[in-house]
Amino acid sequence: MWLNFGLQLLDVGNMEGAIKAFTKAIEVTPEDPEPWLQLGMVLQTMGKLAMAIVALEKVTTLDPSRPEAWFRLGSFLHEAKDDEKSIGAYQAGLETEPGNAEAWFDLAMIKAGLNDLPGAMEALENAIASGIGISRPWITIGRAMMDKGKLDSAVTFLEKATAVYSSDGESWYFLAIALHKLGRTAEAVEAIEHALALKPQDQGFIALAETIKGNEA
C-alpha cells in the first residue's frame, strides 16, 4: 500500500511525499528490498547521494541476486568518486547478469579513468560482445578520456579504434588530437594523414593537419 502510494506520488512529481511513503513502507515491511530501492533512487535524484548509497546497500544486502540494484549502487558510488567500491558493485551485478552490455561499458569507463587499461579494454570487449548500443564505443571511451585529460589512456583506446574502424577517418582524427596534445608530433602527423587519406575534403581534418604541421615546423 505505502509502496504503491509512493510510486503514485512520484508520478505527479511529489518527491518529498514519495520519500515519506517509501519510508513508511520500510517501517511496515523492513525486509522488502523494493521500497529501499525506490527510496534510494529518489534520494539520488534529489542530490542526497550519501543517503541514496545507504539505501542501495540495504537493497543488495536484502537481495544480493538483484543485478539492477548492484548497477545502480555502482553508479551512485562512481558519482560519489568512490570508484574502487563502484567497481566491486558492478562486478557483483555482472556475476548475476553477465550479459548486461551497459554495465560492462560503465565498468570500462570507470577502469579507464583509473588507468586500469587492461581491465577497461576487457570490460569494453565484453560490452561489445553483449551488444552495446553505442556506435564506435572505442572512440567514445577514447574521447571521454581526452575530456578528462587522461591522454595516455585516450591514445590506447583510440589506437584500438583505428584498428577496429580502420576505414573511419574520425578514429584517426581523434588519435591525432590526443597525440598532438602529448607532444608526439611525428605520430600525430601520421595519424592525421591517415584521416585525410580517407576524407580529403574534411575541413576539420585539414585544419588539424595545418595546426600539427605548423607546430612541427
C-alpha atoms as a PDB file:
ATOM      1  CA  MET A   1       0.000   0.000   0.000  1.00  0.00           C
ATOM      2  CA  TRP A   2       2.644   2.555   1.039  1.00  0.00           C
ATOM      3  CA  LEU A   3       4.947   1.478  -1.793  1.00  0.00           C
ATOM      4  CA  ASN A   4       2.227   1.986  -4.400  1.00  0.00           C
ATOM      5  CA  PHE A   5       1.288   5.307  -2.830  1.00  0.00           C
ATOM      6  CA  GLY A   6       4.900   6.427  -3.079  1.00  0.00           C
ATOM      7  CA  LEU A   7       5.038   5.455  -6.746  1.00  0.00           C
ATOM      8  CA  GLN A   8       1.840   7.413  -7.388  1.00  0.00           C
ATOM      9  CA  LEU A   9       3.363  10.465  -5.713  1.00  0.00           C
ATOM     10  CA  LEU A  10       6.442  10.104  -7.895  1.00  0.00           C
ATOM     11  CA  ASP A  11       4.233  10.083 -10.991  1.00  0.00           C
ATOM     12  CA  VAL A  12       2.981  13.576 -10.088  1.00  0.00           C
ATOM     13  CA  GLY A  13       6.443  14.849  -9.128  1.00  0.00           C
ATOM     14  CA  ASN A  14       5.942  14.875  -5.353  1.00  0.00           C
ATOM     15  CA  MET A  15       9.350  13.528  -4.343  1.00  0.00           C
ATOM     16  CA  GLU A  16       9.207  14.632  -0.708  1.00  0.00           C
ATOM     17  CA  GLY A  17       5.885  12.866  -0.319  1.00  0.00           C
ATOM     18  CA  ALA A  18       7.282   9.799  -2.073  1.00  0.00           C
ATOM     19  CA  ILE A  19      10.205   9.675   0.365  1.00  0.00           C
ATOM     20  CA  LYS A  20       7.790   9.724   3.284  1.00  0.00           C
ATOM     21  CA  ALA A  21       5.675   6.975   1.707  1.00  0.00           C
ATOM     22  CA  PHE A  22       8.667   4.738   0.946  1.00  0.00           C
ATOM     23  CA  THR A  23       9.990   5.302   4.467  1.00  0.00           C
ATOM     24  CA  LYS A  24       6.621   4.227   5.848  1.00  0.00           C
ATOM     25  CA  ALA A  25       6.670   1.151   3.615  1.00  0.00           C
ATOM     26  CA  ILE A  26      10.093   0.257   5.045  1.00  0.00           C
ATOM     27  CA  GLU A  27       8.739   0.591   8.586  1.00  0.00           C
ATOM     28  CA  VAL A  28       5.899  -1.795   7.746  1.00  0.00           C
ATOM     29  CA  THR A  29       7.949  -4.349   5.753  1.00  0.00           C
ATOM     30  CA  PRO A  30      11.638  -3.698   6.525  1.00  0.00           C
ATOM     31  CA  GLU A  31      12.805  -6.865   4.758  1.00  0.00           C
ATOM     32  CA  ASP A  32      11.241  -5.911   1.413  1.00  0.00           C
ATOM     33  CA  PRO A  33      14.018  -4.544  -0.861  1.00  0.00           C
ATOM     34  CA  GLU A  34      11.662  -2.702  -3.247  1.00  0.00           C
ATOM     35  CA  PRO A  35      10.862   0.367  -1.093  1.00  0.00           C
ATOM     36  CA  TRP A  36      14.567   0.651  -0.254  1.00  0.00           C
ATOM     37  CA  LEU A  37      15.340   0.662  -3.994  1.00  0.00           C
ATOM     38  CA  GLN A  38      12.717   3.289  -4.756  1.00  0.00           C
ATOM     39  CA  LEU A  39      13.843   5.391  -1.803  1.00  0.00           C
ATOM     40  CA  GLY A  40      17.453   5.262  -2.982  1.00  0.00           C
ATOM     41  CA  MET A  41      16.561   6.387  -6.493  1.00  0.00           C
ATOM     42  CA  VAL A  42      14.519   9.342  -5.237  1.00  0.00           C
ATOM     43  CA  LEU A  43      17.249  10.385  -2.823  1.00  0.00           C
ATOM     44  CA  GLN A  44      19.830  10.317  -5.612  1.00  0.00           C
ATOM     45  CA  THR A  45      17.577  12.409  -7.844  1.00  0.00           C
ATOM     46  CA  MET A  46      17.310  14.967  -5.042  1.00  0.00           C
ATOM     47  CA  GLY A  47      21.077  15.112  -4.641  1.00  0.00           C
ATOM     48  CA  LYS A  48      21.150  13.218  -1.333  1.00  0.00           C
ATOM     49  CA  LEU A  49      23.829  10.877  -2.582  1.00  0.00           C
ATOM     50  CA  ALA A  50      25.185   9.524   0.713  1.00  0.00           C
ATOM     51  CA  MET A  51      21.699   8.549   1.864  1.00  0.00           C
ATOM     52  CA  ALA A  52      20.941   7.035  -1.548  1.00  0.00           C
ATOM     53  CA  ILE A  53      24.045   4.843  -1.296  1.00  0.00           C
ATOM     54  CA  VAL A  54      22.971   3.604   2.146  1.00  0.00           C
ATOM     55  CA  ALA A  55      19.544   2.694   0.741  1.00  0.00           C
ATOM     56  CA  LEU A  56      21.009   0.810  -2.234  1.00  0.00           C
ATOM     57  CA  GLU A  57      23.466  -1.019   0.020  1.00  0.00           C
ATOM     58  CA  LYS A  58      20.451  -2.181   2.016  1.00  0.00           C
ATOM     59  CA  VAL A  59      18.828  -3.495  -1.166  1.00  0.00           C
ATOM     60  CA  THR A  60      21.909  -5.536  -2.058  1.00  0.00           C
ATOM     61  CA  THR A  61      22.018  -6.920   1.486  1.00  0.00           C
ATOM     62  CA  LEU A  62      18.367  -7.954   1.409  1.00  0.00           C
ATOM     63  CA  ASP A  63      18.532  -9.360  -2.122  1.00  0.00           C
ATOM     64  CA  PRO A  64      22.097  -9.834  -3.392  1.00  0.00           C
ATOM     65  CA  SER A  65      20.826 -11.593  -6.526  1.00  0.00           C
ATOM     66  CA  ARG A  66      19.270  -8.377  -7.853  1.00  0.00           C
ATOM     67  CA  PRO A  67      21.641  -7.037 -10.541  1.00  0.00           C
ATOM     68  CA  GLU A  68      19.891  -3.725 -11.186  1.00  0.00           C
ATOM     69  CA  ALA A  69      20.417  -2.771  -7.541  1.00  0.00           C
ATOM     70  CA  TRP A  70      24.143  -3.503  -7.820  1.00  0.00           C
ATOM     71  CA  PHE A  71      24.393  -1.480 -11.037  1.00  0.00           C
ATOM     72  CA  ARG A  72      22.595   1.496  -9.501  1.00  0.00           C
ATOM     73  CA  LEU A  73      24.787   1.250  -6.419  1.00  0.00           C
ATOM     74  CA  GLY A  74      27.850   1.174  -8.665  1.00  0.00           C
ATOM     75  CA  SER A  75      26.632   4.259 -10.499  1.00  0.00           C
ATOM     76  CA  PHE A  76      25.954   6.123  -7.240  1.00  0.00           C
ATOM     77  CA  LEU A  77      29.361   5.189  -5.841  1.00  0.00           C
ATOM     78  CA  HIS A  78      31.047   6.388  -9.038  1.00  0.00           C
ATOM     79  CA  GLU A  79      29.142   9.655  -8.745  1.00  0.00           C
ATOM     80  CA  ALA A  80      30.458   9.878  -5.178  1.00  0.00           C
ATOM     81  CA  LYS A  81      34.009   9.315  -6.547  1.00  0.00           C
ATOM     82  CA  ASP A  82      34.408   6.012  -4.708  1.00  0.00           C
ATOM     83  CA  ASP A  83      35.474   4.087  -7.778  1.00  0.00           C
ATOM     84  CA  GLU A  84      37.029   1.082  -6.049  1.00  0.00           C
ATOM     85  CA  LYS A  85      33.720   0.265  -4.362  1.00  0.00           C
ATOM     86  CA  SER A  86      31.882   1.168  -7.553  1.00  0.00           C
ATOM     87  CA  ILE A  87      33.848  -1.452  -9.476  1.00  0.00           C
ATOM     88  CA  GLY A  88      33.012  -4.040  -6.822  1.00  0.00           C
ATOM     89  CA  ALA A  89      29.306  -3.259  -7.117  1.00  0.00           C
ATOM     90  CA  TYR A  90      29.308  -3.536 -10.910  1.00  0.00           C
ATOM     91  CA  GLN A  91      31.217  -6.808 -10.758  1.00  0.00           C
ATOM     92  CA  ALA A  92      28.735  -8.218  -8.233  1.00  0.00           C
ATOM     93  CA  GLY A  93      25.850  -7.344 -10.537  1.00  0.00           C
ATOM     94  CA  LEU A  94      27.598  -8.804 -13.571  1.00  0.00           C
ATOM     95  CA  GLU A  95      28.021 -12.117 -11.771  1.00  0.00           C
ATOM     96  CA  THR A  96      24.226 -12.397 -11.834  1.00  0.00           C
ATOM     97  CA  GLU A  97      23.651 -10.718 -15.205  1.00  0.00           C
ATOM     98  CA  PRO A  98      26.832 -11.203 -17.260  1.00  0.00           C
ATOM     99  CA  GLY A  99      25.187 -10.128 -20.499  1.00  0.00           C
ATOM    100  CA  ASN A 100      24.397  -6.575 -19.408  1.00  0.00           C
ATOM    101  CA  ALA A 101      26.228  -4.535 -22.049  1.00  0.00           C
ATOM    102  CA  GLU A 102      25.576  -1.153 -20.429  1.00  0.00           C
ATOM    103  CA  ALA A 103      27.052  -2.313 -17.120  1.00  0.00           C
ATOM    104  CA  TRP A 104      30.162  -3.616 -18.881  1.00  0.00           C
ATOM    105  CA  PHE A 105      30.508  -0.275 -20.682  1.00  0.00           C
ATOM    106  CA  ASP A 106      30.144   1.689 -17.428  1.00  0.00           C
ATOM    107  CA  LEU A 107      32.762  -0.564 -15.849  1.00  0.00           C
ATOM    108  CA  ALA A 108      35.097   0.032 -18.791  1.00  0.00           C
ATOM    109  CA  MET A 109      34.738   3.801 -18.373  1.00  0.00           C
ATOM    110  CA  ILE A 110      35.474   3.632 -14.645  1.00  0.00           C
ATOM    111  CA  LYS A 111      38.508   1.378 -15.074  1.00  0.00           C
ATOM    112  CA  ALA A 112      39.855   3.563 -17.865  1.00  0.00           C
ATOM    113  CA  GLY A 113      39.533   6.571 -15.587  1.00  0.00           C
ATOM    114  CA  LEU A 114      41.649   4.719 -13.018  1.00  0.00           C
ATOM    115  CA  ASN A 115      44.260   3.904 -15.693  1.00  0.00           C
ATOM    116  CA  ASP A 116      43.482   0.179 -15.431  1.00  0.00           C
ATOM    117  CA  LEU A 117      43.726  -0.109 -19.212  1.00  0.00           C
ATOM    118  CA  PRO A 118      43.820  -3.935 -19.490  1.00  0.00           C
ATOM    119  CA  GLY A 119      40.744  -4.169 -17.254  1.00  0.00           C
ATOM    120  CA  ALA A 120      38.998  -1.400 -19.152  1.00  0.00           C
ATOM    121  CA  MET A 121      39.684  -2.964 -22.527  1.00  0.00           C
ATOM    122  CA  GLU A 122      38.468  -6.363 -21.327  1.00  0.00           C
ATOM    123  CA  ALA A 123      35.281  -4.767 -19.982  1.00  0.00           C
ATOM    124  CA  LEU A 124      34.700  -2.941 -23.266  1.00  0.00           C
ATOM    125  CA  GLU A 125      35.228  -6.153 -25.252  1.00  0.00           C
ATOM    126  CA  ASN A 126      32.546  -7.734 -23.064  1.00  0.00           C
ATOM    127  CA  ALA A 127      30.242  -4.753 -23.635  1.00  0.00           C
ATOM    128  CA  ILE A 128      30.659  -5.114 -27.395  1.00  0.00           C
ATOM    129  CA  ALA A 129      30.145  -8.882 -27.254  1.00  0.00           C
ATOM    130  CA  SER A 130      26.965  -8.288 -25.238  1.00  0.00           C
ATOM    131  CA  GLY A 131      25.585  -5.924 -27.886  1.00  0.00           C
ATOM    132  CA  ILE A 132      26.263  -2.444 -26.534  1.00  0.00           C
ATOM    133  CA  GLY A 133      24.013   0.029 -28.326  1.00  0.00           C
ATOM    134  CA  ILE A 134      26.721   2.649 -28.804  1.00  0.00           C
ATOM    135  CA  SER A 135      28.210   3.466 -32.179  1.00  0.00           C
ATOM    136  CA  ARG A 136      32.001   3.094 -32.220  1.00  0.00           C
ATOM    137  CA  PRO A 137      32.490   2.543 -28.463  1.00  0.00           C
ATOM    138  CA  TRP A 138      36.300   2.538 -28.710  1.00  0.00           C
ATOM    139  CA  ILE A 139      36.156   6.134 -29.943  1.00  0.00           C
ATOM    140  CA  THR A 140      33.580   7.030 -27.291  1.00  0.00           C
ATOM    141  CA  ILE A 141      35.849   5.991 -24.430  1.00  0.00           C
ATOM    142  CA  GLY A 142      38.922   7.464 -26.091  1.00  0.00           C
ATOM    143  CA  ARG A 143      37.217  10.846 -26.382  1.00  0.00           C
ATOM    144  CA  ALA A 144      35.940  10.617 -22.805  1.00  0.00           C
ATOM    145  CA  MET A 145      39.491  10.038 -21.578  1.00  0.00           C
ATOM    146  CA  MET A 146      40.675  13.051 -23.584  1.00  0.00           C
ATOM    147  CA  ASP A 147      37.979  15.191 -21.988  1.00  0.00           C
ATOM    148  CA  LYS A 148      39.264  14.092 -18.568  1.00  0.00           C
ATOM    149  CA  GLY A 149      42.839  14.921 -19.506  1.00  0.00           C
ATOM    150  CA  LYS A 150      43.900  11.260 -19.417  1.00  0.00           C
ATOM    151  CA  LEU A 151      45.738  11.417 -22.716  1.00  0.00           C
ATOM    152  CA  ASP A 152      47.761   8.207 -22.447  1.00  0.00           C
ATOM    153  CA  SER A 153      44.556   6.276 -21.795  1.00  0.00           C
ATOM    154  CA  ALA A 154      42.906   8.101 -24.687  1.00  0.00           C
ATOM    155  CA  VAL A 155      45.689   7.062 -27.050  1.00  0.00           C
ATOM    156  CA  THR A 156      45.346   3.407 -26.015  1.00  0.00           C
ATOM    157  CA  PHE A 157      41.632   3.361 -26.850  1.00  0.00           C
ATOM    158  CA  LEU A 158      41.954   5.445 -29.995  1.00  0.00           C
ATOM    159  CA  GLU A 159      44.741   3.236 -31.345  1.00  0.00           C
ATOM    160  CA  LYS A 160      42.390   0.310 -30.839  1.00  0.00           C
ATOM    161  CA  ALA A 161      39.686   2.316 -32.633  1.00  0.00           C
ATOM    162  CA  THR A 162      41.918   2.776 -35.685  1.00  0.00           C
ATOM    163  CA  ALA A 163      42.406  -0.993 -35.816  1.00  0.00           C
ATOM    164  CA  VAL A 164      38.706  -1.780 -35.405  1.00  0.00           C
ATOM    165  CA  TYR A 165      37.394   1.064 -37.595  1.00  0.00           C
ATOM    166  CA  SER A 166      40.355   1.342 -39.957  1.00  0.00           C
ATOM    167  CA  SER A 167      38.291   2.988 -42.705  1.00  0.00           C
ATOM    168  CA  ASP A 168      36.765   5.549 -40.336  1.00  0.00           C
ATOM    169  CA  GLY A 169      38.627   8.846 -40.613  1.00  0.00           C
ATOM    170  CA  GLU A 170      37.368  10.083 -37.260  1.00  0.00           C
ATOM    171  CA  SER A 171      39.235   7.399 -35.317  1.00  0.00           C
ATOM    172  CA  TRP A 172      42.491   8.623 -36.882  1.00  0.00           C
ATOM    173  CA  TYR A 173      41.450  12.265 -36.365  1.00  0.00           C
ATOM    174  CA  PHE A 174      40.855  11.877 -32.627  1.00  0.00           C
ATOM    175  CA  LEU A 175      44.037   9.845 -32.269  1.00  0.00           C
ATOM    176  CA  ALA A 176      45.916  12.689 -33.942  1.00  0.00           C
ATOM    177  CA  ILE A 177      44.451  15.171 -31.450  1.00  0.00           C
ATOM    178  CA  ALA A 178      45.495  13.054 -28.458  1.00  0.00           C
ATOM    179  CA  LEU A 179      48.998  12.508 -29.818  1.00  0.00           C
ATOM    180  CA  HIS A 180      49.352  16.198 -30.606  1.00  0.00           C
ATOM    181  CA  LYS A 181      48.360  17.135 -27.055  1.00  0.00           C
ATOM    182  CA  LEU A 182      51.007  14.731 -25.758  1.00  0.00           C
ATOM    183  CA  GLY A 183      53.639  16.383 -27.910  1.00  0.00           C
ATOM    184  CA  ARG A 184      54.096  13.249 -30.025  1.00  0.00           C
ATOM    185  CA  THR A 185      54.119  15.332 -33.181  1.00  0.00           C
ATOM    186  CA  ALA A 186      55.515  12.870 -35.703  1.00  0.00           C
ATOM    187  CA  GLU A 187      52.911  10.262 -34.719  1.00  0.00           C
ATOM    188  CA  ALA A 188      50.176  12.912 -34.788  1.00  0.00           C
ATOM    189  CA  VAL A 189      51.179  13.878 -38.344  1.00  0.00           C
ATOM    190  CA  GLU A 190      50.995  10.249 -39.406  1.00  0.00           C
ATOM    191  CA  ALA A 191      47.545   9.850 -37.812  1.00  0.00           C
ATOM    192  CA  ILE A 192      46.058  12.962 -39.397  1.00  0.00           C
ATOM    193  CA  GLU A 193      47.467  11.955 -42.785  1.00  0.00           C
ATOM    194  CA  HIS A 194      45.603   8.637 -42.423  1.00  0.00           C
ATOM    195  CA  ALA A 195      42.422  10.618 -41.664  1.00  0.00           C
ATOM    196  CA  LEU A 196      42.926  12.865 -44.697  1.00  0.00           C
ATOM    197  CA  ALA A 197      43.545   9.893 -46.959  1.00  0.00           C
ATOM    198  CA  LEU A 198      40.076   8.670 -46.011  1.00  0.00           C
ATOM    199  CA  LYS A 199      38.298  12.061 -46.087  1.00  0.00           C
ATOM    200  CA  PRO A 200      40.492  14.522 -48.016  1.00  0.00           C
ATOM    201  CA  GLN A 201      37.860  17.277 -48.150  1.00  0.00           C
ATOM    202  CA  ASP A 202      37.014  17.302 -44.436  1.00  0.00           C
ATOM    203  CA  GLN A 203      37.678  20.848 -43.228  1.00  0.00           C
ATOM    204  CA  GLY A 204      38.208  19.774 -39.624  1.00  0.00           C
ATOM    205  CA  PHE A 205      40.838  17.265 -40.680  1.00  0.00           C
ATOM    206  CA  ILE A 206      42.556  19.857 -42.912  1.00  0.00           C
ATOM    207  CA  ALA A 207      42.620  22.439 -40.107  1.00  0.00           C
ATOM    208  CA  LEU A 208      44.095  19.973 -37.628  1.00  0.00           C
ATOM    209  CA  ALA A 209      46.747  18.901 -40.128  1.00  0.00           C
ATOM    210  CA  GLU A 210      47.767  22.523 -40.632  1.00  0.00           C
ATOM    211  CA  THR A 211      47.975  23.066 -36.868  1.00  0.00           C
ATOM    212  CA  ILE A 212      50.067  19.958 -36.235  1.00  0.00           C
ATOM    213  CA  LYS A 213      52.391  20.534 -39.168  1.00  0.00           C
ATOM    214  CA  GLY A 214      52.728  24.196 -38.241  1.00  0.00           C
ATOM    215  CA  ASN A 215      53.943  23.193 -34.796  1.00  0.00           C
ATOM    216  CA  GLU A 216      56.250  20.624 -36.338  1.00  0.00           C
ATOM    217  CA  ALA A 217      57.888  23.334 -38.402  1.00  0.00           C
END
